[in-house]
N, C-alpha and C. Protein backbone atom coordinates (compact mmCIF):
# COMPACT_ATOMS: atom_id res chain seq x y z
N MET A 1 14.55 58.70 -23.02
CA MET A 1 16.08 58.79 -24.02
C MET A 1 17.26 58.16 -23.23
N SER A 2 17.89 57.06 -23.86
CA SER A 2 19.07 56.84 -22.96
C SER A 2 20.16 57.84 -23.15
N ASP A 3 21.13 57.42 -22.26
CA ASP A 3 22.40 58.42 -22.53
C ASP A 3 23.19 57.69 -23.52
N PHE A 4 24.02 58.58 -24.23
CA PHE A 4 25.06 58.01 -25.16
C PHE A 4 26.18 57.99 -24.67
N GLN A 5 26.52 56.86 -23.86
CA GLN A 5 27.64 56.76 -23.77
C GLN A 5 28.15 55.10 -23.12
N LYS A 6 29.06 54.63 -22.99
CA LYS A 6 29.01 52.74 -22.47
C LYS A 6 28.32 52.67 -21.42
N GLN A 7 27.92 51.72 -21.14
CA GLN A 7 27.02 50.93 -20.26
C GLN A 7 27.82 49.95 -19.47
N GLY A 8 27.27 49.64 -18.28
CA GLY A 8 28.34 48.28 -17.71
C GLY A 8 28.07 47.30 -18.45
N ASP A 9 27.62 46.90 -19.25
CA ASP A 9 27.10 45.83 -20.26
C ASP A 9 27.70 45.49 -21.64
N CYS A 10 28.21 46.80 -21.59
CA CYS A 10 29.20 47.14 -23.09
C CYS A 10 30.55 46.54 -23.18
N PRO A 11 30.75 45.98 -24.43
CA PRO A 11 31.83 45.24 -24.50
C PRO A 11 33.26 46.20 -24.57
N SER A 12 34.26 46.16 -24.26
CA SER A 12 35.21 47.19 -24.34
C SER A 12 35.59 47.25 -25.69
N SER A 13 36.12 48.57 -25.79
CA SER A 13 36.84 49.54 -27.33
C SER A 13 37.87 48.19 -27.58
N GLN A 14 38.47 47.63 -26.98
CA GLN A 14 39.60 46.56 -27.72
C GLN A 14 38.65 45.62 -28.26
N ASP A 15 37.55 45.08 -27.84
CA ASP A 15 36.84 43.98 -27.86
C ASP A 15 36.03 44.24 -29.27
N LEU A 16 35.21 45.74 -29.22
CA LEU A 16 34.83 46.39 -30.47
C LEU A 16 35.94 46.12 -31.54
N LEU A 17 37.10 46.60 -31.57
CA LEU A 17 38.06 46.63 -32.58
C LEU A 17 38.34 45.46 -33.14
N ALA A 18 38.36 44.54 -32.15
CA ALA A 18 38.95 43.21 -32.28
C ALA A 18 37.67 42.37 -33.64
N PHE A 19 36.39 42.92 -33.05
CA PHE A 19 35.10 42.25 -33.62
C PHE A 19 35.56 42.95 -35.34
N GLN A 20 35.47 44.14 -35.19
CA GLN A 20 35.61 44.99 -36.16
C GLN A 20 36.71 44.64 -37.56
N THR A 21 37.69 44.14 -36.89
CA THR A 21 39.02 44.01 -37.81
C THR A 21 39.04 42.19 -38.23
N GLY A 22 37.86 41.27 -37.54
CA GLY A 22 37.99 40.25 -37.65
C GLY A 22 38.86 39.35 -37.00
N GLU A 23 39.44 39.70 -36.11
CA GLU A 23 40.37 39.27 -34.91
C GLU A 23 40.20 38.49 -33.86
N MET A 24 38.22 38.54 -34.03
CA MET A 24 37.53 37.86 -32.78
C MET A 24 36.85 36.52 -33.55
N SER A 25 37.01 35.30 -32.48
CA SER A 25 35.96 34.36 -33.07
C SER A 25 34.72 34.27 -33.37
N VAL A 26 33.74 33.77 -34.48
CA VAL A 26 33.01 33.76 -34.63
C VAL A 26 32.02 33.71 -33.29
N ALA A 27 32.10 32.62 -32.60
CA ALA A 27 31.28 32.68 -31.11
C ALA A 27 31.54 33.81 -30.44
N ASP A 28 32.67 34.45 -30.13
CA ASP A 28 32.77 35.57 -29.56
C ASP A 28 32.30 36.72 -29.86
N GLY A 29 32.09 36.87 -31.07
CA GLY A 29 31.54 38.06 -31.87
C GLY A 29 29.86 38.15 -31.95
N GLY A 30 29.59 36.86 -31.52
CA GLY A 30 27.67 36.82 -31.36
C GLY A 30 27.08 37.60 -30.63
N PHE A 31 27.89 37.67 -29.12
CA PHE A 31 27.37 38.70 -28.20
C PHE A 31 27.42 40.24 -28.71
N ILE A 32 28.49 40.39 -29.45
CA ILE A 32 28.68 41.75 -29.85
C ILE A 32 27.55 41.97 -30.94
N ARG A 33 27.66 41.01 -31.89
CA ARG A 33 26.67 41.85 -33.15
C ARG A 33 25.41 41.63 -32.19
N MET A 34 24.78 40.84 -31.21
CA MET A 34 23.28 41.23 -30.76
C MET A 34 23.48 42.67 -29.80
N HIS A 35 24.64 42.99 -29.23
CA HIS A 35 24.67 44.06 -28.36
C HIS A 35 24.52 45.69 -29.35
N LEU A 36 25.22 45.19 -30.68
CA LEU A 36 25.00 46.07 -31.58
C LEU A 36 23.87 46.60 -31.88
N ARG A 37 22.75 45.83 -32.16
CA ARG A 37 21.53 46.43 -32.41
C ARG A 37 20.89 47.06 -31.49
N THR A 38 21.12 46.90 -30.35
CA THR A 38 20.47 47.78 -29.04
C THR A 38 21.23 48.80 -28.20
N CYS A 39 22.28 48.79 -28.85
CA CYS A 39 23.41 50.04 -28.08
C CYS A 39 23.88 50.76 -29.33
N ASP A 40 23.33 51.98 -29.46
CA ASP A 40 23.67 52.93 -30.58
C ASP A 40 24.97 53.42 -30.31
N PHE A 41 25.66 53.40 -29.09
CA PHE A 41 26.95 54.02 -28.24
C PHE A 41 28.06 52.98 -29.13
N CYS A 42 27.94 52.02 -28.81
CA CYS A 42 28.73 50.91 -29.28
C CYS A 42 28.57 50.61 -31.03
N ALA A 43 27.49 50.69 -31.45
CA ALA A 43 27.35 50.93 -32.62
C ALA A 43 28.11 51.74 -33.55
N ALA A 44 27.94 53.16 -33.11
CA ALA A 44 28.90 54.29 -33.72
C ALA A 44 30.33 53.72 -33.52
N GLU A 45 30.74 53.25 -32.04
CA GLU A 45 32.12 53.08 -32.29
C GLU A 45 32.89 52.09 -33.01
N ALA A 46 31.90 51.22 -33.21
CA ALA A 46 32.23 50.12 -34.37
C ALA A 46 32.22 50.48 -35.56
N GLU A 47 31.35 51.57 -35.79
CA GLU A 47 31.45 51.68 -37.22
C GLU A 47 32.53 52.87 -37.40
N PHE A 48 33.02 53.68 -36.25
CA PHE A 48 34.05 54.58 -36.41
C PHE A 48 35.33 53.81 -36.67
N TYR A 49 35.38 52.34 -36.25
CA TYR A 49 36.67 51.70 -36.44
C TYR A 49 36.79 51.07 -37.98
N GLU A 50 35.48 51.07 -38.30
CA GLU A 50 35.46 50.46 -39.87
C GLU A 50 35.82 51.66 -40.84
N HIS A 51 35.42 52.96 -40.43
CA HIS A 51 35.77 54.07 -41.05
C HIS A 51 37.17 54.16 -41.14
N TYR A 52 37.62 54.46 -40.07
CA TYR A 52 39.18 54.83 -39.72
C TYR A 52 39.78 53.57 -38.64
N PRO A 53 40.46 52.68 -39.19
CA PRO A 53 40.99 51.46 -38.98
C PRO A 53 42.16 52.06 -38.01
N ILE A 54 42.53 51.39 -36.80
CA ILE A 54 43.89 51.55 -36.31
C ILE A 54 45.04 50.87 -36.74
N LEU A 55 46.22 51.39 -37.15
CA LEU A 55 46.94 50.66 -37.71
C LEU A 55 47.99 50.35 -36.75
N ASP A 56 48.58 48.72 -36.76
CA ASP A 56 49.42 48.56 -35.86
C ASP A 56 50.89 49.11 -36.37
N ASP A 57 51.90 48.78 -35.47
CA ASP A 57 53.20 48.96 -36.12
C ASP A 57 54.02 48.77 -37.49
N ALA A 58 53.51 47.46 -37.78
CA ALA A 58 53.99 46.73 -38.77
C ALA A 58 53.28 47.89 -40.02
N HIS A 59 52.50 48.35 -40.13
CA HIS A 59 52.02 49.33 -41.31
C HIS A 59 52.62 50.81 -41.01
N GLU A 60 53.10 51.00 -40.13
CA GLU A 60 53.30 52.42 -39.62
C GLU A 60 55.11 52.60 -40.18
N GLN A 61 55.84 51.41 -40.49
CA GLN A 61 57.01 51.38 -40.45
C GLN A 61 57.21 52.36 -41.73
N VAL A 62 57.95 53.27 -41.91
CA VAL A 62 58.32 53.89 -42.94
C VAL A 62 59.76 53.82 -43.48
N SER A 63 60.19 53.37 -44.53
CA SER A 63 61.48 53.08 -44.87
C SER A 63 62.35 54.68 -45.25
N SER A 64 63.30 54.63 -44.79
CA SER A 64 64.21 55.68 -45.12
C SER A 64 65.24 55.69 -45.84
N PRO A 65 65.83 56.23 -46.99
CA PRO A 65 67.12 56.19 -47.60
C PRO A 65 68.36 56.54 -46.61
N GLU A 66 69.15 55.39 -47.22
CA GLU A 66 70.53 55.83 -46.66
C GLU A 66 71.04 56.91 -46.76
N ILE A 67 71.68 57.17 -45.53
CA ILE A 67 72.42 58.88 -45.32
C ILE A 67 73.81 58.41 -45.85
N PRO A 68 74.52 59.27 -46.81
CA PRO A 68 75.17 59.18 -47.39
C PRO A 68 76.74 59.01 -46.75
N GLU A 69 77.32 58.37 -46.65
CA GLU A 69 78.73 58.05 -45.64
C GLU A 69 79.27 59.43 -45.30
N PRO A 70 79.76 60.67 -46.07
CA PRO A 70 80.20 61.75 -45.77
C PRO A 70 79.12 62.35 -45.02
N LEU A 71 78.15 62.42 -44.87
CA LEU A 71 77.00 63.25 -44.40
C LEU A 71 76.63 62.82 -42.54
N PHE A 72 76.83 61.35 -42.78
CA PHE A 72 76.67 60.62 -41.53
C PHE A 72 77.90 61.05 -40.83
N GLU A 73 78.98 61.28 -41.34
CA GLU A 73 80.49 61.22 -40.56
C GLU A 73 80.32 62.90 -39.86
N LEU A 74 79.71 63.77 -40.95
CA LEU A 74 79.69 65.24 -40.39
C LEU A 74 78.72 65.19 -38.98
N ALA A 75 77.63 64.60 -39.45
CA ALA A 75 76.56 64.97 -38.37
C ALA A 75 77.04 63.90 -36.97
N GLU A 76 77.77 62.85 -37.06
CA GLU A 76 78.20 61.80 -35.90
C GLU A 76 79.42 63.01 -35.15
N ALA A 77 80.39 63.77 -36.16
CA ALA A 77 81.48 64.79 -35.53
C ALA A 77 80.45 65.87 -34.87
N ILE A 78 79.61 66.29 -35.64
CA ILE A 78 78.96 67.40 -34.90
C ILE A 78 78.04 67.24 -33.60
N LEU A 79 77.41 66.15 -33.61
CA LEU A 79 76.33 65.63 -32.57
C LEU A 79 77.83 65.16 -31.19
N SER A 80 78.61 64.99 -31.46
CA SER A 80 79.87 64.36 -30.81
C SER A 80 80.89 65.64 -30.27
N LYS A 81 80.77 66.48 -31.22
CA LYS A 81 81.74 67.70 -30.93
C LYS A 81 82.96 67.26 -30.98
N LYS A 82 83.10 66.43 -31.94
CA LYS A 82 84.60 66.02 -32.27
C LYS A 82 84.97 67.37 -33.64
N GLU A 83 86.17 66.80 -33.75
CA GLU A 83 86.60 67.85 -35.04
C GLU A 83 86.42 66.80 -36.32
N PRO A 84 85.74 67.52 -37.46
CA PRO A 84 85.61 66.44 -38.47
C PRO A 84 87.10 66.27 -38.94
N SER A 85 87.04 65.15 -39.52
CA SER A 85 88.23 64.56 -39.72
C SER A 85 88.44 65.22 -41.47
N ARG A 86 87.66 65.46 -42.13
CA ARG A 86 87.61 66.14 -43.33
C ARG A 86 87.01 68.00 -43.06
N THR A 87 87.46 68.87 -44.07
CA THR A 87 86.78 69.98 -44.22
C THR A 87 85.42 70.08 -44.53
N LEU A 88 84.74 71.00 -44.14
CA LEU A 88 82.98 71.07 -44.50
C LEU A 88 83.22 71.28 -46.14
N ASP A 89 83.76 72.06 -46.87
CA ASP A 89 84.01 71.84 -48.48
C ASP A 89 83.94 70.48 -49.00
N ARG A 90 84.98 69.85 -48.43
CA ARG A 90 85.24 68.70 -48.82
C ARG A 90 83.95 67.72 -48.48
N LEU A 91 83.78 67.74 -47.56
CA LEU A 91 82.28 67.00 -47.29
C LEU A 91 80.92 67.42 -48.29
N ILE A 92 80.92 68.71 -48.35
CA ILE A 92 79.62 68.95 -49.27
C ILE A 92 80.14 68.71 -50.35
N LYS A 93 81.35 68.63 -51.44
CA LYS A 93 81.75 67.79 -52.45
C LYS A 93 81.34 66.55 -52.41
N GLU A 94 81.92 65.70 -51.52
CA GLU A 94 81.50 64.06 -51.80
C GLU A 94 80.05 64.05 -51.73
N ILE A 95 79.68 64.52 -50.94
CA ILE A 95 78.04 64.57 -50.78
C ILE A 95 77.54 65.12 -51.79
N ASP A 96 77.51 66.03 -52.75
CA ASP A 96 77.14 66.30 -54.01
C ASP A 96 77.64 65.28 -55.03
N SER A 97 78.49 64.58 -54.78
CA SER A 97 78.86 63.58 -55.85
C SER A 97 77.92 62.28 -55.84
N VAL A 98 77.86 62.18 -54.43
CA VAL A 98 77.18 60.82 -54.12
C VAL A 98 75.37 61.12 -54.49
N SER A 99 74.93 62.08 -54.19
CA SER A 99 73.76 62.76 -54.68
C SER A 99 73.35 62.81 -56.29
N SER A 100 74.25 62.99 -56.92
CA SER A 100 74.31 63.17 -58.54
C SER A 100 73.88 61.99 -59.06
């Protein structure tokens, strides 16, 4: 029984990921295809990448709505420990009017 772990001749995890996502040339992928036939560990790792793909930064970007100006000014004043130029009640009213 063999050890279920990467061996010296195993491709790197980055190569397996590139193979699985199609970012590897067909020629370079030939070695990995042959290797996956005989290495249960690498076959399991490649299957993992197939079911749980790693997302790059472009896929993880989340757009956030613009902060209403009165709220931004209040937060900026609090964070910089400045006196806000408007009263809290007035800012709340402005925020409510923008949100409505």
